[in-house]
Amino acid sequence: MPRDDSDSSKCVHCGVGEVGPDNCSACTWPYSEKGWTKFRLGLRRITIDTNCINSKGRSSPLNLLEKWAGEKKIEIQKSTPFFAEAQGNLRRQAKEKQIPGHPPLFFLDSSSLGDAAVLAGPDLRKEIQKILFPGVTALSVGQERDVQHLAEHVRTGGHLFVTMDTSDFMLGKKEKKLRCLGVWAVTPGKAVELLVSVYGWSQDVGI
C-alpha cells in the first residue's frame, strides 16, 4: 500500500496501523530492535547485497546465516541487480546461482495469488533514493542498483537487508531514516545479533 506522507504516524508496510515505539499496531512490523520479538511473521526473510556473496566462506557472520538458511530457519534471497553485479568472477557467479530470488508479487484485483507469491508492498523507490543519494538527480548505474536492491526488498516484504556497504546504506543518518521507512539495512554481524536476540540460536557454525 502506498505511503501517505501526510501522516507519518501510519505504518509504511500496511498503511493502516499506527507506528508505536516498537511495532505497528496492525501488522506488528518492527520499528525498533525490541519489536522483532513481537513481529508475528517472525524474523525470517533475509535479502543479501552482492557484496555478501561470501564465495570463499571467510565471513563468520555470513557463514552463520548460510548455516541457518540450510537448516530452513531463515531464507536468504537476492534482488534483480544481484546477477549483473556478480559477473566477472567465476566463484561469485557460481555462488550467485545458488541464491534464490525474491518471490513473485501478487497485486490486488490484477493477478492471481500463487503458492509462492506475496502481496506486493509499497513502492518506495523515490523515498529510498532521497535517503541514499540526497541531492543527486542523475544516478550512476551503481547507485540505481542500490536503490533497486532496497526497493525490491521492500516490495516483496523482506525483513532484513544485509550489506557490507555501510557508506551507501548506513553512513550518517541513512540507517535511521531507512528504519523510519520500515527498511532494516544491517551488516552481517548485526543480522546475526538480531537473530540470536530473537531466537537464542547457537553461534557455532559447526565447521
N, C-alpha and C. Protein backbone atom coordinates (compact mmCIF):
# COMPACT_ATOMS: atom_id res chain seq x y z
N MET A 1 0.85 -1.19 0.00
CA MET A 1 0.00 0.00 0.00
C MET A 1 0.89 1.24 0.00
N PRO A 2 0.58 2.23 -0.86
CA PRO A 2 1.42 3.42 -0.93
C PRO A 2 1.47 4.17 0.39
N ARG A 3 2.59 4.78 0.64
CA ARG A 3 2.76 5.55 1.86
C ARG A 3 2.07 6.90 1.73
N ASP A 4 1.36 7.30 2.76
CA ASP A 4 0.74 8.61 2.80
C ASP A 4 1.65 9.54 3.59
N ASP A 5 2.42 10.36 2.86
CA ASP A 5 3.40 11.22 3.52
C ASP A 5 2.77 12.27 4.41
N SER A 6 1.44 12.48 4.26
CA SER A 6 0.78 13.46 5.10
C SER A 6 0.55 12.94 6.50
N ASP A 7 0.72 11.63 6.69
CA ASP A 7 0.51 11.05 8.01
C ASP A 7 1.64 10.09 8.32
N SER A 8 2.72 10.60 8.89
CA SER A 8 3.90 9.80 9.14
C SER A 8 3.71 8.83 10.30
N SER A 9 2.56 8.93 11.00
CA SER A 9 2.31 8.02 12.11
C SER A 9 1.78 6.68 11.63
N LYS A 10 1.41 6.60 10.34
CA LYS A 10 0.90 5.36 9.78
C LYS A 10 2.04 4.45 9.35
N CYS A 11 1.87 3.16 9.56
CA CYS A 11 2.88 2.18 9.18
C CYS A 11 3.11 2.18 7.68
N VAL A 12 4.36 2.17 7.28
CA VAL A 12 4.70 2.14 5.86
C VAL A 12 4.27 0.84 5.22
N HIS A 13 4.37 -0.26 5.94
CA HIS A 13 4.12 -1.57 5.36
C HIS A 13 2.65 -1.85 5.10
N CYS A 14 1.80 -1.55 6.06
CA CYS A 14 0.38 -1.86 5.87
C CYS A 14 -0.47 -0.63 5.57
N GLY A 15 0.04 0.56 5.91
CA GLY A 15 -0.69 1.78 5.65
C GLY A 15 -1.91 1.98 6.52
N VAL A 16 -2.10 1.11 7.50
CA VAL A 16 -3.30 1.15 8.34
C VAL A 16 -2.97 1.39 9.80
N GLY A 17 -2.04 0.59 10.32
CA GLY A 17 -1.72 0.65 11.74
C GLY A 17 -0.94 1.89 12.13
N GLU A 18 -0.98 2.19 13.42
CA GLU A 18 -0.21 3.31 13.97
C GLU A 18 1.18 2.81 14.36
N VAL A 19 2.18 3.62 14.09
CA VAL A 19 3.55 3.27 14.45
C VAL A 19 3.77 3.56 15.93
N GLY A 20 4.06 2.51 16.68
CA GLY A 20 4.35 2.67 18.10
C GLY A 20 5.84 2.70 18.34
N PRO A 21 6.26 2.72 19.59
CA PRO A 21 7.69 2.73 19.91
C PRO A 21 8.43 1.52 19.34
N ASP A 22 7.73 0.38 19.29
CA ASP A 22 8.38 -0.86 18.86
C ASP A 22 7.75 -1.49 17.61
N ASN A 23 6.43 -1.42 17.49
CA ASN A 23 5.74 -2.14 16.42
C ASN A 23 4.56 -1.36 15.86
N CYS A 24 4.15 -1.76 14.66
CA CYS A 24 2.90 -1.26 14.09
C CYS A 24 1.74 -1.90 14.85
N SER A 25 0.71 -1.13 15.12
CA SER A 25 -0.42 -1.64 15.89
C SER A 25 -1.26 -2.65 15.12
N ALA A 26 -1.11 -2.67 13.78
CA ALA A 26 -1.92 -3.59 12.97
C ALA A 26 -1.13 -4.80 12.49
N CYS A 27 -0.07 -4.56 11.69
CA CYS A 27 0.68 -5.67 11.10
C CYS A 27 1.85 -6.12 11.98
N THR A 28 2.13 -5.40 13.03
CA THR A 28 3.22 -5.66 14.00
C THR A 28 4.62 -5.52 13.40
N TRP A 29 4.75 -4.84 12.25
CA TRP A 29 6.09 -4.62 11.69
C TRP A 29 6.94 -3.90 12.73
N PRO A 30 8.20 -4.34 12.93
CA PRO A 30 9.06 -3.75 13.97
C PRO A 30 9.69 -2.43 13.55
N TYR A 31 9.65 -1.47 14.43
CA TYR A 31 10.33 -0.20 14.22
C TYR A 31 11.45 0.01 15.23
N SER A 32 11.70 -0.99 16.06
CA SER A 32 12.83 -0.98 16.98
C SER A 32 13.37 -2.40 17.03
N GLU A 33 14.58 -2.57 17.54
CA GLU A 33 15.15 -3.92 17.65
C GLU A 33 14.29 -4.80 18.56
N LYS A 34 13.79 -4.24 19.63
CA LYS A 34 12.91 -4.98 20.53
C LYS A 34 11.66 -5.47 19.82
N GLY A 35 11.22 -4.71 18.82
CA GLY A 35 10.00 -5.06 18.10
C GLY A 35 10.05 -6.37 17.35
N TRP A 36 11.27 -6.84 17.02
CA TRP A 36 11.37 -8.11 16.30
C TRP A 36 10.84 -9.28 17.12
N THR A 37 10.90 -9.20 18.42
CA THR A 37 10.40 -10.29 19.26
C THR A 37 8.88 -10.37 19.24
N LYS A 38 8.23 -9.28 18.80
CA LYS A 38 6.77 -9.24 18.77
C LYS A 38 6.20 -9.32 17.34
N PHE A 39 7.09 -9.40 16.36
CA PHE A 39 6.65 -9.45 14.96
C PHE A 39 6.03 -10.81 14.67
N ARG A 40 4.76 -10.83 14.31
CA ARG A 40 4.03 -12.09 14.22
C ARG A 40 4.49 -13.02 13.10
N LEU A 41 5.12 -12.48 12.08
CA LEU A 41 5.61 -13.35 11.00
C LEU A 41 6.98 -13.94 11.32
N GLY A 42 7.64 -13.40 12.33
CA GLY A 42 8.97 -13.89 12.69
C GLY A 42 10.05 -13.32 11.79
N LEU A 43 11.23 -13.18 12.32
CA LEU A 43 12.38 -12.67 11.57
C LEU A 43 12.93 -13.81 10.73
N ARG A 44 12.65 -13.79 9.44
CA ARG A 44 12.98 -14.95 8.61
C ARG A 44 13.61 -14.60 7.26
N ARG A 45 13.07 -13.62 6.56
CA ARG A 45 13.48 -13.39 5.18
C ARG A 45 14.60 -12.36 5.09
N ILE A 46 15.75 -12.83 4.59
CA ILE A 46 16.96 -12.03 4.51
C ILE A 46 17.32 -11.78 3.05
N THR A 47 17.42 -10.52 2.67
CA THR A 47 17.93 -10.15 1.34
C THR A 47 19.39 -9.79 1.50
N ILE A 48 20.26 -10.39 0.70
CA ILE A 48 21.68 -10.04 0.82
C ILE A 48 22.14 -9.20 -0.37
N ASP A 49 22.98 -8.24 -0.07
CA ASP A 49 23.61 -7.41 -1.08
C ASP A 49 24.67 -8.25 -1.80
N THR A 50 25.06 -7.81 -2.99
CA THR A 50 26.04 -8.58 -3.76
C THR A 50 27.39 -8.69 -3.05
N ASN A 51 27.72 -7.70 -2.22
CA ASN A 51 29.00 -7.77 -1.51
C ASN A 51 28.98 -8.81 -0.40
N CYS A 52 27.86 -9.50 -0.23
CA CYS A 52 27.75 -10.55 0.79
C CYS A 52 27.67 -11.95 0.17
N ILE A 53 28.17 -12.09 -1.02
CA ILE A 53 28.14 -13.41 -1.68
C ILE A 53 28.93 -14.44 -0.88
N ASN A 54 30.03 -14.04 -0.26
CA ASN A 54 30.79 -14.94 0.62
C ASN A 54 31.27 -16.19 -0.11
N SER A 55 31.77 -15.99 -1.32
CA SER A 55 32.16 -17.13 -2.15
C SER A 55 33.31 -17.95 -1.57
N LYS A 56 34.16 -17.32 -0.73
CA LYS A 56 35.29 -18.02 -0.14
C LYS A 56 35.00 -18.49 1.28
N GLY A 57 33.83 -18.16 1.80
CA GLY A 57 33.44 -18.61 3.13
C GLY A 57 34.29 -18.06 4.24
N ARG A 58 34.81 -16.84 4.08
CA ARG A 58 35.71 -16.26 5.07
C ARG A 58 35.00 -15.37 6.08
N SER A 59 33.71 -15.13 5.89
CA SER A 59 32.97 -14.27 6.81
C SER A 59 32.19 -15.12 7.81
N SER A 60 32.57 -15.06 9.07
CA SER A 60 31.89 -15.86 10.09
C SER A 60 30.40 -15.55 10.19
N PRO A 61 29.99 -14.24 10.21
CA PRO A 61 28.55 -13.95 10.26
C PRO A 61 27.79 -14.50 9.05
N LEU A 62 28.38 -14.36 7.86
CA LEU A 62 27.70 -14.87 6.67
C LEU A 62 27.67 -16.40 6.68
N ASN A 63 28.73 -17.02 7.19
CA ASN A 63 28.72 -18.48 7.32
C ASN A 63 27.57 -18.93 8.22
N LEU A 64 27.33 -18.18 9.30
CA LEU A 64 26.24 -18.50 10.21
C LEU A 64 24.89 -18.33 9.53
N LEU A 65 24.72 -17.24 8.80
CA LEU A 65 23.45 -17.01 8.10
C LEU A 65 23.20 -18.13 7.09
N GLU A 66 24.25 -18.54 6.39
CA GLU A 66 24.10 -19.63 5.41
C GLU A 66 23.78 -20.95 6.10
N LYS A 67 24.38 -21.17 7.27
CA LYS A 67 24.09 -22.39 8.04
C LYS A 67 22.62 -22.42 8.45
N TRP A 68 22.12 -21.29 8.96
CA TRP A 68 20.73 -21.23 9.38
C TRP A 68 19.77 -21.36 8.20
N ALA A 69 20.19 -20.83 7.05
CA ALA A 69 19.37 -20.99 5.85
C ALA A 69 19.31 -22.46 5.44
N GLY A 70 20.46 -23.15 5.55
CA GLY A 70 20.50 -24.57 5.23
C GLY A 70 19.63 -25.40 6.16
N GLU A 71 19.46 -24.91 7.39
CA GLU A 71 18.60 -25.59 8.36
C GLU A 71 17.14 -25.15 8.26
N LYS A 72 16.84 -24.32 7.24
CA LYS A 72 15.48 -23.81 6.98
C LYS A 72 14.96 -22.89 8.08
N LYS A 73 15.86 -22.31 8.83
CA LYS A 73 15.45 -21.37 9.88
C LYS A 73 15.18 -19.98 9.31
N ILE A 74 15.92 -19.63 8.26
CA ILE A 74 15.73 -18.37 7.57
C ILE A 74 15.78 -18.62 6.07
N GLU A 75 15.41 -17.61 5.30
CA GLU A 75 15.51 -17.67 3.84
C GLU A 75 16.43 -16.55 3.39
N ILE A 76 17.42 -16.90 2.60
CA ILE A 76 18.32 -15.90 2.02
C ILE A 76 17.92 -15.72 0.56
N GLN A 77 17.68 -14.46 0.16
CA GLN A 77 17.21 -14.17 -1.18
C GLN A 77 18.01 -13.03 -1.79
N LYS A 78 17.84 -12.84 -3.10
CA LYS A 78 18.57 -11.79 -3.81
C LYS A 78 17.61 -10.95 -4.64
N SER A 79 18.03 -9.71 -4.91
CA SER A 79 17.28 -8.81 -5.77
C SER A 79 17.77 -8.93 -7.20
N THR A 80 17.06 -8.30 -8.14
CA THR A 80 17.38 -8.40 -9.56
C THR A 80 18.81 -7.97 -9.91
N PRO A 81 19.36 -6.86 -9.35
CA PRO A 81 20.70 -6.44 -9.74
C PRO A 81 21.81 -7.42 -9.36
N PHE A 82 21.49 -8.36 -8.50
CA PHE A 82 22.48 -9.30 -7.99
C PHE A 82 23.23 -10.02 -9.11
N PHE A 83 22.50 -10.48 -10.13
CA PHE A 83 23.10 -11.24 -11.21
C PHE A 83 24.16 -10.43 -11.94
N ALA A 84 23.80 -9.21 -12.36
CA ALA A 84 24.73 -8.37 -13.11
C ALA A 84 25.97 -8.03 -12.28
N GLU A 85 25.79 -7.77 -11.00
CA GLU A 85 26.90 -7.37 -10.14
C GLU A 85 27.82 -8.52 -9.80
N ALA A 86 27.34 -9.75 -9.95
CA ALA A 86 28.17 -10.92 -9.61
C ALA A 86 29.05 -11.37 -10.77
N GLN A 87 28.86 -10.79 -11.95
CA GLN A 87 29.62 -11.23 -13.11
C GLN A 87 31.08 -10.81 -13.01
N GLY A 88 31.95 -11.57 -13.69
CA GLY A 88 33.36 -11.24 -13.73
C GLY A 88 34.23 -12.09 -12.82
N ASN A 89 33.58 -12.92 -12.00
CA ASN A 89 34.32 -13.80 -11.11
C ASN A 89 33.59 -15.14 -11.07
N LEU A 90 34.24 -16.19 -11.54
CA LEU A 90 33.57 -17.48 -11.68
C LEU A 90 33.05 -18.01 -10.35
N ARG A 91 33.82 -17.82 -9.29
CA ARG A 91 33.38 -18.32 -7.98
C ARG A 91 32.14 -17.58 -7.49
N ARG A 92 32.15 -16.26 -7.69
CA ARG A 92 30.99 -15.46 -7.30
C ARG A 92 29.78 -15.80 -8.15
N GLN A 93 30.00 -16.03 -9.43
CA GLN A 93 28.89 -16.39 -10.32
C GLN A 93 28.28 -17.72 -9.91
N ALA A 94 29.12 -18.67 -9.54
CA ALA A 94 28.62 -19.98 -9.12
C ALA A 94 27.80 -19.86 -7.84
N LYS A 95 28.28 -19.02 -6.91
CA LYS A 95 27.56 -18.82 -5.65
C LYS A 95 26.24 -18.09 -5.88
N GLU A 96 26.26 -17.14 -6.80
CA GLU A 96 25.05 -16.36 -7.12
C GLU A 96 23.93 -17.27 -7.60
N LYS A 97 24.27 -18.28 -8.38
CA LYS A 97 23.25 -19.19 -8.93
C LYS A 97 22.56 -20.01 -7.83
N GLN A 98 23.21 -20.15 -6.69
CA GLN A 98 22.64 -20.95 -5.60
C GLN A 98 21.64 -20.16 -4.74
N ILE A 99 21.61 -18.85 -4.92
CA ILE A 99 20.77 -17.99 -4.09
C ILE A 99 19.46 -17.70 -4.80
N PRO A 100 18.33 -18.04 -4.23
CA PRO A 100 17.04 -17.80 -4.89
C PRO A 100 16.70 -16.31 -4.93
N GLY A 101 15.90 -15.94 -5.91
CA GLY A 101 15.42 -14.57 -5.99
C GLY A 101 14.22 -14.36 -5.09
N HIS A 102 13.71 -13.15 -5.09
CA HIS A 102 12.52 -12.86 -4.31
C HIS A 102 11.30 -13.59 -4.90
N PRO A 103 10.29 -13.85 -4.08
CA PRO A 103 9.07 -14.49 -4.60
C PRO A 103 8.33 -13.56 -5.54
N PRO A 104 7.48 -14.12 -6.42
CA PRO A 104 6.68 -13.27 -7.31
C PRO A 104 5.67 -12.45 -6.50
N LEU A 105 5.21 -11.36 -7.12
CA LEU A 105 4.30 -10.45 -6.43
C LEU A 105 2.84 -10.69 -6.82
N PHE A 106 1.96 -10.50 -5.86
CA PHE A 106 0.53 -10.56 -6.08
C PHE A 106 -0.04 -9.16 -5.91
N PHE A 107 -0.79 -8.70 -6.94
CA PHE A 107 -1.41 -7.38 -6.89
C PHE A 107 -2.92 -7.54 -6.78
N LEU A 108 -3.52 -6.85 -5.86
CA LEU A 108 -4.97 -6.93 -5.68
C LEU A 108 -5.71 -6.54 -6.95
N ASP A 109 -6.69 -7.36 -7.32
CA ASP A 109 -7.57 -7.10 -8.47
C ASP A 109 -6.87 -7.15 -9.82
N SER A 110 -5.60 -7.61 -9.85
CA SER A 110 -4.93 -7.64 -11.15
C SER A 110 -4.10 -8.89 -11.39
N SER A 111 -3.98 -9.77 -10.39
CA SER A 111 -3.21 -11.00 -10.59
C SER A 111 -3.69 -12.07 -9.63
N SER A 112 -3.28 -13.30 -9.92
CA SER A 112 -3.68 -14.43 -9.09
C SER A 112 -2.63 -14.71 -8.03
N LEU A 113 -3.07 -15.13 -6.88
CA LEU A 113 -2.16 -15.42 -5.77
C LEU A 113 -1.71 -16.86 -5.87
N GLY A 114 -0.47 -17.08 -6.35
CA GLY A 114 0.07 -18.42 -6.45
C GLY A 114 0.64 -18.88 -5.14
N ASP A 115 1.13 -20.11 -5.10
CA ASP A 115 1.65 -20.68 -3.86
C ASP A 115 2.83 -19.88 -3.31
N ALA A 116 3.70 -19.39 -4.20
CA ALA A 116 4.91 -18.71 -3.75
C ALA A 116 4.76 -17.19 -3.75
N ALA A 117 3.68 -16.68 -4.29
CA ALA A 117 3.51 -15.23 -4.44
C ALA A 117 3.27 -14.55 -3.09
N VAL A 118 3.71 -13.30 -3.01
CA VAL A 118 3.47 -12.49 -1.82
C VAL A 118 2.75 -11.22 -2.23
N LEU A 119 1.94 -10.69 -1.33
CA LEU A 119 1.22 -9.46 -1.61
C LEU A 119 2.21 -8.31 -1.78
N ALA A 120 2.09 -7.59 -2.89
CA ALA A 120 3.03 -6.50 -3.18
C ALA A 120 2.99 -5.43 -2.11
N GLY A 121 4.17 -5.06 -1.63
CA GLY A 121 4.30 -4.00 -0.65
C GLY A 121 4.39 -2.65 -1.33
N PRO A 122 4.67 -1.60 -0.58
CA PRO A 122 4.73 -0.25 -1.16
C PRO A 122 5.94 -0.06 -2.06
N ASP A 123 5.77 0.79 -3.06
CA ASP A 123 6.87 1.16 -3.94
C ASP A 123 7.54 2.39 -3.36
N LEU A 124 8.71 2.21 -2.75
CA LEU A 124 9.38 3.30 -2.05
C LEU A 124 10.65 3.77 -2.76
N ARG A 125 10.70 3.57 -4.07
CA ARG A 125 11.91 3.93 -4.80
C ARG A 125 12.30 5.40 -4.62
N LYS A 126 11.33 6.30 -4.73
CA LYS A 126 11.64 7.73 -4.61
C LYS A 126 12.13 8.07 -3.21
N GLU A 127 11.45 7.51 -2.20
CA GLU A 127 11.85 7.78 -0.82
C GLU A 127 13.23 7.22 -0.52
N ILE A 128 13.50 6.02 -1.02
CA ILE A 128 14.80 5.38 -0.80
C ILE A 128 15.91 6.18 -1.48
N GLN A 129 15.67 6.63 -2.71
CA GLN A 129 16.68 7.40 -3.43
C GLN A 129 17.03 8.69 -2.69
N LYS A 130 16.03 9.36 -2.14
CA LYS A 130 16.28 10.61 -1.40
C LYS A 130 17.15 10.38 -0.18
N ILE A 131 17.00 9.22 0.45
CA ILE A 131 17.79 8.91 1.64
C ILE A 131 19.21 8.48 1.28
N LEU A 132 19.31 7.59 0.30
CA LEU A 132 20.64 7.07 -0.06
C LEU A 132 21.50 8.11 -0.76
N PHE A 133 20.89 8.87 -1.67
CA PHE A 133 21.66 9.80 -2.50
C PHE A 133 20.98 11.16 -2.56
N PRO A 134 20.93 11.86 -1.43
CA PRO A 134 20.26 13.16 -1.38
C PRO A 134 20.91 14.18 -2.31
N GLY A 135 20.08 14.87 -3.06
CA GLY A 135 20.58 15.91 -3.96
C GLY A 135 21.08 15.40 -5.29
N VAL A 136 21.15 14.09 -5.47
CA VAL A 136 21.63 13.52 -6.74
C VAL A 136 20.44 13.33 -7.67
N THR A 137 20.46 13.99 -8.82
CA THR A 137 19.34 13.88 -9.77
C THR A 137 19.58 12.80 -10.83
N ALA A 138 20.83 12.64 -11.24
CA ALA A 138 21.17 11.61 -12.24
C ALA A 138 22.02 10.55 -11.56
N LEU A 139 21.42 9.42 -11.25
CA LEU A 139 22.13 8.35 -10.55
C LEU A 139 23.07 7.59 -11.48
N SER A 140 24.18 7.13 -10.94
CA SER A 140 25.06 6.24 -11.68
C SER A 140 24.42 4.86 -11.73
N VAL A 141 24.98 3.98 -12.53
CA VAL A 141 24.44 2.62 -12.62
C VAL A 141 24.49 1.94 -11.26
N GLY A 142 25.60 2.11 -10.55
CA GLY A 142 25.73 1.51 -9.23
C GLY A 142 24.72 2.05 -8.24
N GLN A 143 24.48 3.35 -8.29
CA GLN A 143 23.50 3.96 -7.40
C GLN A 143 22.08 3.48 -7.72
N GLU A 144 21.76 3.37 -8.99
CA GLU A 144 20.45 2.86 -9.40
C GLU A 144 20.24 1.43 -8.88
N ARG A 145 21.31 0.66 -8.93
CA ARG A 145 21.20 -0.73 -8.45
C ARG A 145 21.00 -0.76 -6.94
N ASP A 146 21.66 0.13 -6.22
CA ASP A 146 21.47 0.19 -4.77
C ASP A 146 20.01 0.48 -4.43
N VAL A 147 19.43 1.45 -5.12
CA VAL A 147 18.02 1.79 -4.91
C VAL A 147 17.13 0.60 -5.25
N GLN A 148 17.44 -0.08 -6.36
CA GLN A 148 16.64 -1.23 -6.78
C GLN A 148 16.73 -2.38 -5.78
N HIS A 149 17.91 -2.61 -5.24
CA HIS A 149 18.07 -3.65 -4.21
C HIS A 149 17.06 -3.43 -3.08
N LEU A 150 17.05 -2.23 -2.53
CA LEU A 150 16.18 -1.94 -1.39
C LEU A 150 14.72 -1.89 -1.79
N ALA A 151 14.42 -1.31 -2.96
CA ALA A 151 13.03 -1.19 -3.40
C ALA A 151 12.41 -2.57 -3.58
N GLU A 152 13.13 -3.50 -4.19
CA GLU A 152 12.60 -4.86 -4.38
C GLU A 152 12.48 -5.58 -3.04
N HIS A 153 13.42 -5.34 -2.16
CA HIS A 153 13.38 -5.93 -0.83
C HIS A 153 12.09 -5.54 -0.11
N VAL A 154 11.75 -4.25 -0.16
CA VAL A 154 10.53 -3.76 0.48
C VAL A 154 9.29 -4.28 -0.25
N ARG A 155 9.33 -4.21 -1.56
CA ARG A 155 8.17 -4.60 -2.39
C ARG A 155 7.77 -6.05 -2.15
N THR A 156 8.75 -6.89 -1.88
CA THR A 156 8.47 -8.32 -1.69
C THR A 156 8.37 -8.71 -0.22
N GLY A 157 8.40 -7.72 0.67
CA GLY A 157 8.19 -7.99 2.09
C GLY A 157 9.37 -8.58 2.82
N GLY A 158 10.59 -8.30 2.35
CA GLY A 158 11.78 -8.80 3.03
C GLY A 158 11.92 -8.20 4.42
N HIS A 159 12.60 -8.91 5.29
CA HIS A 159 12.75 -8.46 6.68
C HIS A 159 14.04 -7.69 6.91
N LEU A 160 15.19 -8.30 6.65
CA LEU A 160 16.48 -7.62 6.81
C LEU A 160 17.18 -7.53 5.46
N PHE A 161 17.77 -6.37 5.18
CA PHE A 161 18.65 -6.23 4.02
C PHE A 161 20.07 -6.23 4.55
N VAL A 162 20.83 -7.26 4.21
CA VAL A 162 22.17 -7.44 4.77
C VAL A 162 23.23 -6.99 3.77
N THR A 163 24.07 -6.07 4.20
CA THR A 163 25.08 -5.49 3.32
C THR A 163 26.35 -5.14 4.09
N MET A 164 27.47 -5.11 3.38
CA MET A 164 28.72 -4.64 3.95
C MET A 164 29.00 -3.19 3.53
N ASP A 165 28.13 -2.63 2.70
CA ASP A 165 28.31 -1.28 2.20
C ASP A 165 27.72 -0.28 3.21
N THR A 166 28.46 -0.01 4.24
CA THR A 166 27.96 0.89 5.28
C THR A 166 27.92 2.34 4.80
N SER A 167 28.71 2.68 3.80
CA SER A 167 28.74 4.05 3.30
C SER A 167 27.43 4.43 2.62
N ASP A 168 26.98 3.61 1.68
CA ASP A 168 25.77 3.93 0.93
C ASP A 168 24.49 3.71 1.73
N PHE A 169 24.49 2.76 2.66
CA PHE A 169 23.25 2.40 3.32
C PHE A 169 23.15 2.82 4.78
N MET A 170 24.25 3.18 5.43
CA MET A 170 24.19 3.43 6.87
C MET A 170 24.89 4.70 7.33
N LEU A 171 25.78 5.26 6.53
CA LEU A 171 26.58 6.40 6.95
C LEU A 171 25.69 7.58 7.36
N GLY A 172 26.13 8.29 8.37
CA GLY A 172 25.36 9.44 8.83
C GLY A 172 24.03 9.01 9.42
N LYS A 173 22.96 9.59 8.91
CA LYS A 173 21.63 9.28 9.42
C LYS A 173 20.84 8.36 8.48
N LYS A 174 21.53 7.79 7.48
CA LYS A 174 20.82 6.96 6.49
C LYS A 174 20.13 5.76 7.13
N GLU A 175 20.84 5.07 8.01
CA GLU A 175 20.28 3.87 8.64
C GLU A 175 19.00 4.22 9.41
N LYS A 176 19.05 5.31 10.17
CA LYS A 176 17.90 5.73 10.97
C LYS A 176 16.73 6.14 10.07
N LYS A 177 17.03 6.87 9.01
CA LYS A 177 15.98 7.32 8.09
C LYS A 177 15.33 6.14 7.37
N LEU A 178 16.14 5.17 6.97
CA LEU A 178 15.60 3.98 6.31
C LEU A 178 14.71 3.20 7.27
N ARG A 179 15.11 3.13 8.53
CA ARG A 179 14.32 2.40 9.52
C ARG A 179 12.97 3.07 9.73
N CYS A 180 12.93 4.39 9.63
CA CYS A 180 11.65 5.11 9.73
C CYS A 180 10.74 4.75 8.56
N LEU A 181 11.35 4.35 7.45
CA LEU A 181 10.58 3.88 6.30
C LEU A 181 10.20 2.41 6.45
N GLY A 182 10.68 1.79 7.50
CA GLY A 182 10.42 0.37 7.68
C GLY A 182 11.46 -0.51 7.02
N VAL A 183 12.60 0.08 6.63
CA VAL A 183 13.65 -0.67 5.94
C VAL A 183 14.80 -0.91 6.90
N TRP A 184 15.10 -2.18 7.15
CA TRP A 184 16.19 -2.55 8.06
C TRP A 184 17.42 -2.95 7.23
N ALA A 185 18.37 -2.01 7.09
CA ALA A 185 19.64 -2.30 6.42
C ALA A 185 20.68 -2.53 7.51
N VAL A 186 21.25 -3.73 7.53
CA VAL A 186 22.17 -4.10 8.61
C VAL A 186 23.39 -4.83 8.05
N THR A 187 24.45 -4.84 8.82
CA THR A 187 25.63 -5.62 8.47
C THR A 187 25.37 -7.10 8.76
N PRO A 188 26.17 -8.01 8.21
CA PRO A 188 26.01 -9.42 8.54
C PRO A 188 26.09 -9.69 10.04
N GLY A 189 27.02 -9.01 10.70
CA GLY A 189 27.17 -9.20 12.15
C GLY A 189 25.93 -8.76 12.90
N LYS A 190 25.33 -7.65 12.49
CA LYS A 190 24.12 -7.15 13.14
C LYS A 190 22.95 -8.10 12.88
N ALA A 191 22.88 -8.66 11.69
CA ALA A 191 21.82 -9.62 11.38
C ALA A 191 21.90 -10.82 12.31
N VAL A 192 23.11 -11.33 12.51
CA VAL A 192 23.32 -12.45 13.43
C VAL A 192 22.91 -12.05 14.84
N GLU A 193 23.31 -10.86 15.26
CA GLU A 193 22.98 -10.37 16.60
C GLU A 193 21.47 -10.32 16.81
N LEU A 194 20.73 -9.82 15.82
CA LEU A 194 19.27 -9.73 15.94
C LEU A 194 18.63 -11.12 16.00
N LEU A 195 19.09 -12.03 15.17
CA LEU A 195 18.53 -13.38 15.14
C LEU A 195 18.80 -14.12 16.45
N VAL A 196 20.00 -13.95 16.98
CA VAL A 196 20.34 -14.58 18.25
C VAL A 196 19.50 -13.98 19.37
N SER A 197 19.27 -12.67 19.30
CA SER A 197 18.47 -12.00 20.31
C SER A 197 17.03 -12.48 20.29
N VAL A 198 16.49 -12.71 19.10
CA VAL A 198 15.09 -13.13 18.97
C VAL A 198 14.91 -14.61 19.28
N TYR A 199 15.83 -15.45 18.77
CA TYR A 199 15.63 -16.90 18.85
C TYR A 199 16.60 -17.63 19.78
N GLY A 200 17.71 -16.99 20.16
CA GLY A 200 18.66 -17.65 21.03
C GLY A 200 19.45 -18.75 20.35
N TRP A 201 19.61 -18.68 19.04
CA TRP A 201 20.33 -19.74 18.31
C TRP A 201 21.81 -19.75 18.66
N SER A 202 22.42 -20.92 18.53
CA SER A 202 23.84 -21.07 18.77
C SER A 202 24.63 -20.38 17.66
N GLN A 203 25.75 -19.78 18.01
CA GLN A 203 26.60 -19.13 17.02
C GLN A 203 27.76 -20.02 16.60
N ASP A 204 27.65 -21.29 16.86
CA ASP A 204 28.65 -22.28 16.41
C ASP A 204 28.31 -22.69 15.00
N VAL A 205 29.21 -22.41 14.05
CA VAL A 205 28.95 -22.76 12.65
C VAL A 205 29.16 -24.24 12.39
N GLY A 206 29.74 -24.94 13.33
CA GLY A 206 29.88 -26.39 13.21
C GLY A 206 30.86 -26.82 12.15
N ILE A 207 31.87 -26.01 11.92
CA ILE A 207 32.90 -26.35 10.91
C ILE A 207 34.21 -26.68 11.63
